[in-house]
Amino acid sequence: MDIEKFSSMDFGEFVDVFGNVIERCPLIAAAVWSQQPFSDLEDLEKHFFAFIDDLPQSGQEGILRCHLDLAGSELQRPLTAKSQREQSGAGLTSLGADERLRLAELNAQYRARFGFPFVLAARFSDRTAVPRELARRLLCPPAQELRTALGEVKKIGSLRLADLLRADPAKL
């Protein structure tokens, strides 16, 4: 898809296409739509990330709470299709029982400590690295971890935007 295509989308189409760039946050796409036209992918990305950066801390934490635990329980709401592909690619959907239990324990500790789920750009990781990274980040001060988690949200968003721009417009 070229820049002219997404710069000329009407509001509904734009939100439909870009509403999950930031996990379960179509409001961000709605706000970004008003910034058209966009000069390139970097410009579009800049608007998504500026929205996040301009939020108060409670809003930023809210964005993080839209994410589900990595390799989380089936009792949670279902993963979005994008998250399912990302977690599957990292091997997180085929964990053994012991691996799943260890991740569940770490996810619970993380959520209790920080008040939001652990967020990681799964495409840059694998099933053995995720628990190590989760355990490492559990030791971070809360302000640092908020910045780190938001950085991961931005990595995910960047990858998703790049995917959308490479996509066949007929398949969107």
N, C-alpha and C. Protein backbone atom coordinates (compact mmCIF):
# COMPACT_ATOMS: atom_id res chain seq x y z
N MET A 1 0.85 -1.16 0.00
CA MET A 1 0.00 0.00 0.00
C MET A 1 0.90 1.23 0.00
N ASP A 2 0.58 2.21 -0.78
CA ASP A 2 1.42 3.41 -0.83
C ASP A 2 0.88 4.48 0.12
N ILE A 3 1.73 5.46 0.37
CA ILE A 3 1.41 6.51 1.32
C ILE A 3 0.17 7.30 0.91
N GLU A 4 -0.02 7.50 -0.38
CA GLU A 4 -1.20 8.23 -0.84
C GLU A 4 -2.49 7.49 -0.47
N LYS A 5 -2.45 6.17 -0.53
CA LYS A 5 -3.63 5.37 -0.21
C LYS A 5 -4.05 5.59 1.24
N PHE A 6 -3.12 5.44 2.18
CA PHE A 6 -3.56 5.57 3.56
C PHE A 6 -3.70 7.02 3.99
N SER A 7 -3.10 7.96 3.27
CA SER A 7 -3.30 9.37 3.57
C SER A 7 -4.65 9.88 3.10
N SER A 8 -5.29 9.13 2.22
CA SER A 8 -6.59 9.58 1.70
C SER A 8 -7.76 8.74 2.22
N MET A 9 -7.50 7.83 3.15
CA MET A 9 -8.57 7.00 3.69
C MET A 9 -9.55 7.86 4.49
N ASP A 10 -10.83 7.49 4.40
CA ASP A 10 -11.78 8.18 5.27
C ASP A 10 -11.60 7.65 6.69
N PHE A 11 -12.26 8.30 7.63
CA PHE A 11 -12.08 8.00 9.04
C PHE A 11 -12.32 6.52 9.35
N GLY A 12 -13.45 5.99 8.93
CA GLY A 12 -13.79 4.61 9.26
C GLY A 12 -12.81 3.61 8.69
N GLU A 13 -12.41 3.81 7.45
CA GLU A 13 -11.46 2.90 6.82
C GLU A 13 -10.10 2.96 7.53
N PHE A 14 -9.66 4.16 7.86
CA PHE A 14 -8.37 4.33 8.54
C PHE A 14 -8.38 3.59 9.88
N VAL A 15 -9.44 3.78 10.66
CA VAL A 15 -9.51 3.13 11.97
C VAL A 15 -9.61 1.61 11.80
N ASP A 16 -10.35 1.15 10.80
CA ASP A 16 -10.43 -0.29 10.55
C ASP A 16 -9.06 -0.88 10.24
N VAL A 17 -8.28 -0.19 9.43
CA VAL A 17 -6.97 -0.70 8.99
C VAL A 17 -5.92 -0.54 10.08
N PHE A 18 -5.89 0.61 10.75
CA PHE A 18 -4.80 0.93 11.68
C PHE A 18 -5.20 0.85 13.16
N GLY A 19 -6.41 0.41 13.43
CA GLY A 19 -6.92 0.40 14.80
C GLY A 19 -6.23 -0.53 15.76
N ASN A 20 -5.46 -1.50 15.26
CA ASN A 20 -4.75 -2.41 16.15
C ASN A 20 -3.23 -2.29 16.01
N VAL A 21 -2.78 -1.19 15.44
CA VAL A 21 -1.32 -0.95 15.40
C VAL A 21 -0.81 -0.91 16.83
N ILE A 22 -1.52 -0.20 17.67
CA ILE A 22 -1.26 -0.24 19.10
C ILE A 22 -2.35 -1.14 19.68
N GLU A 23 -1.96 -2.24 20.25
CA GLU A 23 -2.86 -3.32 20.66
C GLU A 23 -4.15 -2.83 21.30
N ARG A 24 -5.27 -3.17 20.65
CA ARG A 24 -6.61 -2.89 21.18
C ARG A 24 -6.82 -1.41 21.51
N CYS A 25 -6.20 -0.51 20.73
CA CYS A 25 -6.32 0.93 20.98
C CYS A 25 -6.74 1.67 19.71
N PRO A 26 -7.93 1.40 19.19
CA PRO A 26 -8.35 2.11 17.98
C PRO A 26 -8.49 3.61 18.19
N LEU A 27 -8.63 4.05 19.42
CA LEU A 27 -8.71 5.48 19.70
C LEU A 27 -7.45 6.20 19.21
N ILE A 28 -6.32 5.55 19.30
CA ILE A 28 -5.07 6.17 18.84
C ILE A 28 -5.12 6.35 17.33
N ALA A 29 -5.56 5.33 16.61
CA ALA A 29 -5.70 5.47 15.15
C ALA A 29 -6.68 6.57 14.81
N ALA A 30 -7.76 6.68 15.57
CA ALA A 30 -8.75 7.72 15.32
C ALA A 30 -8.12 9.11 15.48
N ALA A 31 -7.30 9.27 16.50
CA ALA A 31 -6.64 10.56 16.71
C ALA A 31 -5.60 10.84 15.63
N VAL A 32 -4.87 9.82 15.23
CA VAL A 32 -3.83 9.98 14.21
C VAL A 32 -4.45 10.33 12.85
N TRP A 33 -5.63 9.79 12.56
CA TRP A 33 -6.29 10.06 11.27
C TRP A 33 -6.39 11.57 11.02
N SER A 34 -6.65 12.34 12.07
CA SER A 34 -6.83 13.79 11.90
C SER A 34 -5.54 14.51 11.51
N GLN A 35 -4.42 13.81 11.53
CA GLN A 35 -3.13 14.41 11.20
C GLN A 35 -2.76 14.26 9.73
N GLN A 36 -3.66 13.68 8.91
CA GLN A 36 -3.39 13.48 7.48
C GLN A 36 -3.12 14.83 6.81
N PRO A 37 -2.39 14.83 5.72
CA PRO A 37 -1.75 13.69 5.04
C PRO A 37 -0.41 13.35 5.68
N PHE A 38 0.06 12.15 5.40
CA PHE A 38 1.33 11.68 5.93
C PHE A 38 2.34 11.62 4.79
N SER A 39 3.56 11.98 5.07
CA SER A 39 4.56 12.01 4.00
C SER A 39 5.17 10.63 3.73
N ASP A 40 5.24 9.81 4.77
CA ASP A 40 5.84 8.47 4.62
C ASP A 40 5.56 7.66 5.88
N LEU A 41 6.05 6.44 5.90
CA LEU A 41 5.85 5.56 7.05
C LEU A 41 6.39 6.19 8.32
N GLU A 42 7.55 6.80 8.24
CA GLU A 42 8.16 7.42 9.42
C GLU A 42 7.27 8.52 9.98
N ASP A 43 6.64 9.29 9.11
CA ASP A 43 5.75 10.36 9.54
C ASP A 43 4.52 9.77 10.24
N LEU A 44 3.94 8.74 9.66
CA LEU A 44 2.77 8.09 10.26
C LEU A 44 3.14 7.52 11.63
N GLU A 45 4.25 6.84 11.68
CA GLU A 45 4.74 6.26 12.94
C GLU A 45 4.94 7.35 13.99
N LYS A 46 5.52 8.46 13.57
CA LYS A 46 5.78 9.58 14.48
C LYS A 46 4.48 10.04 15.16
N HIS A 47 3.40 10.10 14.40
CA HIS A 47 2.12 10.54 14.96
C HIS A 47 1.56 9.52 15.96
N PHE A 48 1.68 8.24 15.66
CA PHE A 48 1.23 7.21 16.60
C PHE A 48 2.02 7.33 17.91
N PHE A 49 3.32 7.44 17.81
CA PHE A 49 4.16 7.43 19.00
C PHE A 49 4.06 8.74 19.78
N ALA A 50 3.86 9.87 19.09
CA ALA A 50 3.69 11.14 19.79
C ALA A 50 2.42 11.11 20.64
N PHE A 51 1.38 10.47 20.12
CA PHE A 51 0.15 10.34 20.89
C PHE A 51 0.43 9.63 22.21
N ILE A 52 1.16 8.53 22.14
CA ILE A 52 1.50 7.76 23.34
C ILE A 52 2.34 8.60 24.29
N ASP A 53 3.35 9.26 23.75
CA ASP A 53 4.26 10.06 24.59
C ASP A 53 3.55 11.21 25.27
N ASP A 54 2.52 11.76 24.64
CA ASP A 54 1.82 12.92 25.19
C ASP A 54 0.78 12.56 26.24
N LEU A 55 0.49 11.29 26.40
CA LEU A 55 -0.48 10.86 27.41
C LEU A 55 0.10 11.02 28.81
N PRO A 56 -0.77 11.27 29.79
CA PRO A 56 -0.28 11.21 31.18
C PRO A 56 0.08 9.76 31.51
N GLN A 57 0.79 9.57 32.60
CA GLN A 57 1.22 8.23 32.98
C GLN A 57 0.05 7.26 33.07
N SER A 58 -1.09 7.70 33.59
CA SER A 58 -2.23 6.79 33.71
C SER A 58 -2.71 6.32 32.34
N GLY A 59 -2.67 7.19 31.33
CA GLY A 59 -3.05 6.80 29.98
C GLY A 59 -2.04 5.84 29.37
N GLN A 60 -0.77 6.08 29.62
CA GLN A 60 0.27 5.18 29.12
C GLN A 60 0.12 3.80 29.75
N GLU A 61 -0.16 3.76 31.04
CA GLU A 61 -0.38 2.47 31.71
C GLU A 61 -1.63 1.80 31.15
N GLY A 62 -2.63 2.60 30.80
CA GLY A 62 -3.84 2.05 30.19
C GLY A 62 -3.55 1.36 28.87
N ILE A 63 -2.67 1.95 28.07
CA ILE A 63 -2.26 1.32 26.81
C ILE A 63 -1.61 -0.03 27.09
N LEU A 64 -0.78 -0.09 28.10
CA LEU A 64 -0.13 -1.35 28.45
C LEU A 64 -1.16 -2.38 28.93
N ARG A 65 -2.19 -1.93 29.63
CA ARG A 65 -3.21 -2.85 30.12
C ARG A 65 -4.07 -3.43 29.00
N CYS A 66 -3.99 -2.86 27.81
CA CYS A 66 -4.72 -3.42 26.66
C CYS A 66 -4.07 -4.71 26.17
N HIS A 67 -2.83 -4.95 26.57
CA HIS A 67 -2.11 -6.16 26.17
C HIS A 67 -2.48 -7.30 27.11
N LEU A 68 -2.38 -8.50 26.59
CA LEU A 68 -2.58 -9.70 27.39
C LEU A 68 -1.22 -10.25 27.80
N ASP A 69 -1.22 -11.09 28.83
CA ASP A 69 0.03 -11.73 29.23
C ASP A 69 0.58 -12.56 28.08
N LEU A 70 1.89 -12.52 27.89
CA LEU A 70 2.52 -13.38 26.88
C LEU A 70 2.29 -14.83 27.29
N ALA A 71 1.86 -15.62 26.32
CA ALA A 71 1.56 -17.04 26.56
C ALA A 71 0.60 -17.19 27.73
N GLY A 72 -0.36 -16.27 27.80
CA GLY A 72 -1.28 -16.22 28.93
C GLY A 72 -2.34 -17.31 28.90
N SER A 73 -3.10 -17.30 29.93
CA SER A 73 -4.17 -18.29 30.13
C SER A 73 -5.25 -18.16 29.07
N GLU A 74 -5.85 -19.26 28.76
CA GLU A 74 -6.99 -19.26 27.84
C GLU A 74 -8.19 -18.57 28.46
N LEU A 75 -8.13 -18.31 29.77
CA LEU A 75 -9.24 -17.63 30.44
C LEU A 75 -9.26 -16.14 30.11
N GLN A 76 -8.15 -15.61 29.63
CA GLN A 76 -8.13 -14.22 29.21
C GLN A 76 -8.93 -14.08 27.93
N ARG A 77 -9.26 -12.83 27.59
CA ARG A 77 -9.93 -12.63 26.30
C ARG A 77 -9.01 -13.12 25.20
N PRO A 78 -9.55 -13.48 24.05
CA PRO A 78 -8.71 -14.04 22.99
C PRO A 78 -7.67 -13.05 22.47
N LEU A 79 -6.56 -13.59 22.03
CA LEU A 79 -5.53 -12.77 21.39
C LEU A 79 -6.07 -12.20 20.09
N THR A 80 -5.61 -11.01 19.73
CA THR A 80 -5.91 -10.51 18.39
C THR A 80 -5.15 -11.37 17.40
N ALA A 81 -5.57 -11.36 16.15
CA ALA A 81 -4.90 -12.16 15.12
C ALA A 81 -3.43 -11.78 15.01
N LYS A 82 -3.13 -10.49 15.10
CA LYS A 82 -1.74 -10.04 15.01
C LYS A 82 -0.92 -10.58 16.18
N SER A 83 -1.46 -10.50 17.39
CA SER A 83 -0.75 -11.02 18.56
C SER A 83 -0.56 -12.53 18.47
N GLN A 84 -1.57 -13.22 17.99
CA GLN A 84 -1.47 -14.68 17.83
C GLN A 84 -0.31 -15.03 16.90
N ARG A 85 -0.20 -14.35 15.76
CA ARG A 85 0.91 -14.61 14.83
C ARG A 85 2.25 -14.27 15.45
N GLU A 86 2.32 -13.15 16.17
CA GLU A 86 3.58 -12.73 16.77
C GLU A 86 4.03 -13.71 17.86
N GLN A 87 3.10 -14.11 18.70
CA GLN A 87 3.45 -15.05 19.76
C GLN A 87 3.76 -16.44 19.21
N SER A 88 3.04 -16.84 18.18
CA SER A 88 3.30 -18.12 17.55
C SER A 88 4.69 -18.15 16.93
N GLY A 89 5.06 -17.07 16.26
CA GLY A 89 6.38 -16.98 15.64
C GLY A 89 7.51 -17.08 16.65
N ALA A 90 7.25 -16.65 17.88
CA ALA A 90 8.26 -16.73 18.94
C ALA A 90 8.19 -18.06 19.69
N GLY A 91 7.28 -18.95 19.28
CA GLY A 91 7.16 -20.25 19.92
C GLY A 91 6.37 -20.23 21.22
N LEU A 92 5.66 -19.14 21.49
CA LEU A 92 4.96 -19.01 22.77
C LEU A 92 3.61 -19.71 22.80
N THR A 93 3.13 -20.14 21.65
CA THR A 93 1.84 -20.84 21.63
C THR A 93 2.02 -22.35 21.70
N SER A 94 3.26 -22.80 21.75
CA SER A 94 3.52 -24.24 21.81
C SER A 94 4.42 -24.60 23.00
N LEU A 95 4.23 -23.89 24.10
CA LEU A 95 5.03 -24.16 25.29
C LEU A 95 4.58 -25.45 25.97
N GLY A 96 5.52 -26.10 26.62
CA GLY A 96 5.19 -27.26 27.44
C GLY A 96 4.55 -26.80 28.74
N ALA A 97 4.00 -27.71 29.48
CA ALA A 97 3.29 -27.39 30.72
C ALA A 97 4.18 -26.66 31.73
N ASP A 98 5.43 -27.12 31.89
CA ASP A 98 6.34 -26.47 32.84
C ASP A 98 6.69 -25.06 32.39
N GLU A 99 6.94 -24.88 31.09
CA GLU A 99 7.25 -23.55 30.56
C GLU A 99 6.07 -22.60 30.75
N ARG A 100 4.88 -23.10 30.47
CA ARG A 100 3.67 -22.28 30.60
C ARG A 100 3.45 -21.88 32.07
N LEU A 101 3.68 -22.82 32.99
CA LEU A 101 3.53 -22.53 34.42
C LEU A 101 4.54 -21.47 34.86
N ARG A 102 5.78 -21.62 34.44
CA ARG A 102 6.83 -20.65 34.82
C ARG A 102 6.48 -19.26 34.29
N LEU A 103 6.03 -19.17 33.04
CA LEU A 103 5.64 -17.87 32.49
C LEU A 103 4.44 -17.30 33.23
N ALA A 104 3.48 -18.13 33.58
CA ALA A 104 2.30 -17.66 34.31
C ALA A 104 2.72 -17.07 35.66
N GLU A 105 3.65 -17.74 36.34
CA GLU A 105 4.13 -17.24 37.63
C GLU A 105 4.84 -15.90 37.46
N LEU A 106 5.71 -15.81 36.47
CA LEU A 106 6.44 -14.56 36.23
C LEU A 106 5.49 -13.44 35.81
N ASN A 107 4.52 -13.76 34.94
CA ASN A 107 3.54 -12.76 34.52
C ASN A 107 2.76 -12.23 35.72
N ALA A 108 2.38 -13.11 36.64
CA ALA A 108 1.62 -12.69 37.82
C ALA A 108 2.47 -11.79 38.72
N GLN A 109 3.73 -12.15 38.90
CA GLN A 109 4.63 -11.32 39.71
C GLN A 109 4.81 -9.94 39.07
N TYR A 110 4.97 -9.93 37.76
CA TYR A 110 5.17 -8.68 37.03
C TYR A 110 3.94 -7.79 37.16
N ARG A 111 2.78 -8.37 36.92
CA ARG A 111 1.53 -7.60 36.98
C ARG A 111 1.32 -7.05 38.40
N ALA A 112 1.62 -7.85 39.42
CA ALA A 112 1.47 -7.40 40.80
C ALA A 112 2.45 -6.26 41.11
N ARG A 113 3.64 -6.34 40.58
CA ARG A 113 4.65 -5.30 40.86
C ARG A 113 4.37 -4.00 40.12
N PHE A 114 3.98 -4.09 38.84
CA PHE A 114 3.87 -2.88 38.03
C PHE A 114 2.44 -2.44 37.73
N GLY A 115 1.47 -3.32 37.86
CA GLY A 115 0.08 -2.94 37.62
C GLY A 115 -0.36 -3.02 36.18
N PHE A 116 0.47 -3.58 35.34
CA PHE A 116 0.13 -3.81 33.93
C PHE A 116 0.88 -5.05 33.47
N PRO A 117 0.43 -5.65 32.36
CA PRO A 117 1.09 -6.89 31.91
C PRO A 117 2.46 -6.63 31.28
N PHE A 118 3.27 -7.65 31.30
CA PHE A 118 4.58 -7.63 30.65
C PHE A 118 4.37 -7.53 29.14
N VAL A 119 5.00 -6.54 28.52
CA VAL A 119 4.90 -6.35 27.08
C VAL A 119 6.29 -6.52 26.48
N LEU A 120 6.35 -7.32 25.43
CA LEU A 120 7.60 -7.59 24.74
C LEU A 120 7.30 -7.78 23.27
N ALA A 121 8.10 -7.20 22.41
CA ALA A 121 7.95 -7.42 20.97
C ALA A 121 8.39 -8.85 20.68
N ALA A 122 7.41 -9.75 20.65
CA ALA A 122 7.70 -11.19 20.55
C ALA A 122 8.46 -11.55 19.28
N ARG A 123 8.30 -10.77 18.22
CA ARG A 123 9.01 -11.11 16.98
C ARG A 123 10.51 -11.01 17.12
N PHE A 124 10.97 -10.30 18.13
CA PHE A 124 12.41 -10.18 18.36
C PHE A 124 12.89 -11.14 19.44
N SER A 125 12.08 -12.11 19.80
CA SER A 125 12.42 -12.99 20.90
C SER A 125 12.07 -14.44 20.57
N ASP A 126 12.27 -15.30 21.54
CA ASP A 126 11.88 -16.70 21.38
C ASP A 126 11.49 -17.26 22.75
N ARG A 127 11.01 -18.46 22.73
CA ARG A 127 10.43 -19.07 23.94
C ARG A 127 11.41 -19.21 25.09
N THR A 128 12.70 -19.27 24.83
CA THR A 128 13.65 -19.38 25.93
C THR A 128 14.08 -18.01 26.45
N ALA A 129 14.06 -17.00 25.59
CA ALA A 129 14.48 -15.66 26.01
C ALA A 129 13.40 -14.92 26.79
N VAL A 130 12.13 -15.21 26.50
CA VAL A 130 11.03 -14.47 27.13
C VAL A 130 11.06 -14.58 28.66
N PRO A 131 11.15 -15.78 29.25
CA PRO A 131 11.16 -15.83 30.72
C PRO A 131 12.39 -15.16 31.33
N ARG A 132 13.53 -15.24 30.64
CA ARG A 132 14.73 -14.56 31.15
C ARG A 132 14.52 -13.05 31.16
N GLU A 133 13.96 -12.53 30.07
CA GLU A 133 13.72 -11.08 29.98
C GLU A 133 12.68 -10.64 30.99
N LEU A 134 11.65 -11.44 31.17
CA LEU A 134 10.61 -11.11 32.14
C LEU A 134 11.22 -11.06 33.54
N ALA A 135 12.01 -12.05 33.90
CA ALA A 135 12.66 -12.08 35.21
C ALA A 135 13.60 -10.89 35.39
N ARG A 136 14.34 -10.55 34.35
CA ARG A 136 15.25 -9.40 34.42
C ARG A 136 14.48 -8.11 34.65
N ARG A 137 13.40 -7.92 33.90
CA ARG A 137 12.65 -6.67 33.99
C ARG A 137 11.85 -6.56 35.29
N LEU A 138 11.59 -7.68 35.93
CA LEU A 138 10.94 -7.63 37.25
C LEU A 138 11.78 -6.86 38.27
N LEU A 139 13.06 -6.79 38.04
CA LEU A 139 13.98 -6.12 38.98
C LEU A 139 14.13 -4.63 38.71
N CYS A 140 13.54 -4.13 37.64
CA CYS A 140 13.69 -2.72 37.26
C CYS A 140 12.83 -1.82 38.13
N PRO A 141 13.28 -0.58 38.34
CA PRO A 141 12.42 0.40 39.02
C PRO A 141 11.18 0.68 38.17
N PRO A 142 10.04 0.98 38.81
CA PRO A 142 8.79 1.17 38.07
C PRO A 142 8.86 2.22 36.94
N ALA A 143 9.47 3.34 37.17
CA ALA A 143 9.54 4.38 36.11
C ALA A 143 10.33 3.88 34.91
N GLN A 144 11.42 3.19 35.18
CA GLN A 144 12.22 2.62 34.09
C GLN A 144 11.43 1.56 33.34
N GLU A 145 10.70 0.73 34.07
CA GLU A 145 9.95 -0.34 33.42
C GLU A 145 8.81 0.22 32.58
N LEU A 146 8.18 1.29 33.03
CA LEU A 146 7.14 1.92 32.22
C LEU A 146 7.73 2.37 30.89
N ARG A 147 8.88 3.02 30.91
CA ARG A 147 9.54 3.45 29.67
C ARG A 147 9.90 2.26 28.79
N THR A 148 10.42 1.20 29.40
CA THR A 148 10.80 0.00 28.64
C THR A 148 9.57 -0.63 27.99
N ALA A 149 8.51 -0.79 28.76
CA ALA A 149 7.28 -1.41 28.24
C ALA A 149 6.70 -0.57 27.10
N LEU A 150 6.69 0.74 27.24
CA LEU A 150 6.19 1.60 26.17
C LEU A 150 7.09 1.51 24.94
N GLY A 151 8.38 1.35 25.15
CA GLY A 151 9.30 1.13 24.03
C GLY A 151 8.97 -0.15 23.28
N GLU A 152 8.57 -1.19 24.01
CA GLU A 152 8.16 -2.45 23.38
C GLU A 152 6.86 -2.26 22.59
N VAL A 153 5.93 -1.49 23.14
CA VAL A 153 4.69 -1.18 22.42
C VAL A 153 5.03 -0.50 21.10
N LYS A 154 5.97 0.41 21.14
CA LYS A 154 6.36 1.14 19.92
C LYS A 154 7.05 0.20 18.93
N LYS A 155 7.86 -0.72 19.40
CA LYS A 155 8.48 -1.70 18.49
C LYS A 155 7.40 -2.52 17.79
N ILE A 156 6.43 -2.99 18.57
CA ILE A 156 5.32 -3.77 18.00
C ILE A 156 4.57 -2.92 16.98
N GLY A 157 4.26 -1.69 17.35
CA GLY A 157 3.55 -0.79 16.45
C GLY A 157 4.31 -0.53 15.17
N SER A 158 5.60 -0.35 15.29
CA SER A 158 6.45 -0.13 14.11
C SER A 158 6.41 -1.32 13.16
N LEU A 159 6.50 -2.51 13.72
CA LEU A 159 6.43 -3.73 12.91
C LEU A 159 5.07 -3.86 12.23
N ARG A 160 4.02 -3.57 12.97
CA ARG A 160 2.67 -3.68 12.41
C ARG A 160 2.44 -2.65 11.31
N LEU A 161 2.92 -1.44 11.51
CA LEU A 161 2.79 -0.44 10.45
C LEU A 161 3.53 -0.88 9.19
N ALA A 162 4.74 -1.37 9.37
CA ALA A 162 5.52 -1.84 8.21
C ALA A 162 4.79 -2.98 7.51
N ASP A 163 4.19 -3.88 8.27
CA ASP A 163 3.42 -4.98 7.67
C ASP A 163 2.25 -4.44 6.85
N LEU A 164 1.55 -3.46 7.40
CA LEU A 164 0.39 -2.89 6.70
C LEU A 164 0.81 -2.20 5.40
N LEU A 165 1.94 -1.54 5.41
CA LEU A 165 2.37 -0.85 4.21
C LEU A 165 2.86 -1.79 3.14
N ARG A 166 3.26 -2.99 3.54
CA ARG A 166 3.67 -4.00 2.57
C ARG A 166 2.48 -4.82 2.08
N ALA A 167 1.35 -4.69 2.76
CA ALA A 167 0.19 -5.50 2.46
C ALA A 167 -0.47 -5.09 1.14
N ASP A 168 -1.10 -6.05 0.53
CA ASP A 168 -1.91 -5.81 -0.66
C ASP A 168 -3.18 -5.09 -0.21
N PRO A 169 -3.45 -3.87 -0.73
CA PRO A 169 -4.62 -3.12 -0.29
C PRO A 169 -5.92 -3.91 -0.42
N ALA A 170 -6.01 -4.80 -1.37
CA ALA A 170 -7.23 -5.59 -1.56
C ALA A 170 -7.47 -6.55 -0.40
N LYS A 171 -6.41 -6.86 0.37
CA LYS A 171 -6.53 -7.82 1.47
C LYS A 171 -6.75 -7.14 2.81
N LEU A 172 -6.80 -5.83 2.82
CA LEU A 172 -6.99 -5.11 4.09
C LEU A 172 -8.44 -5.08 4.50
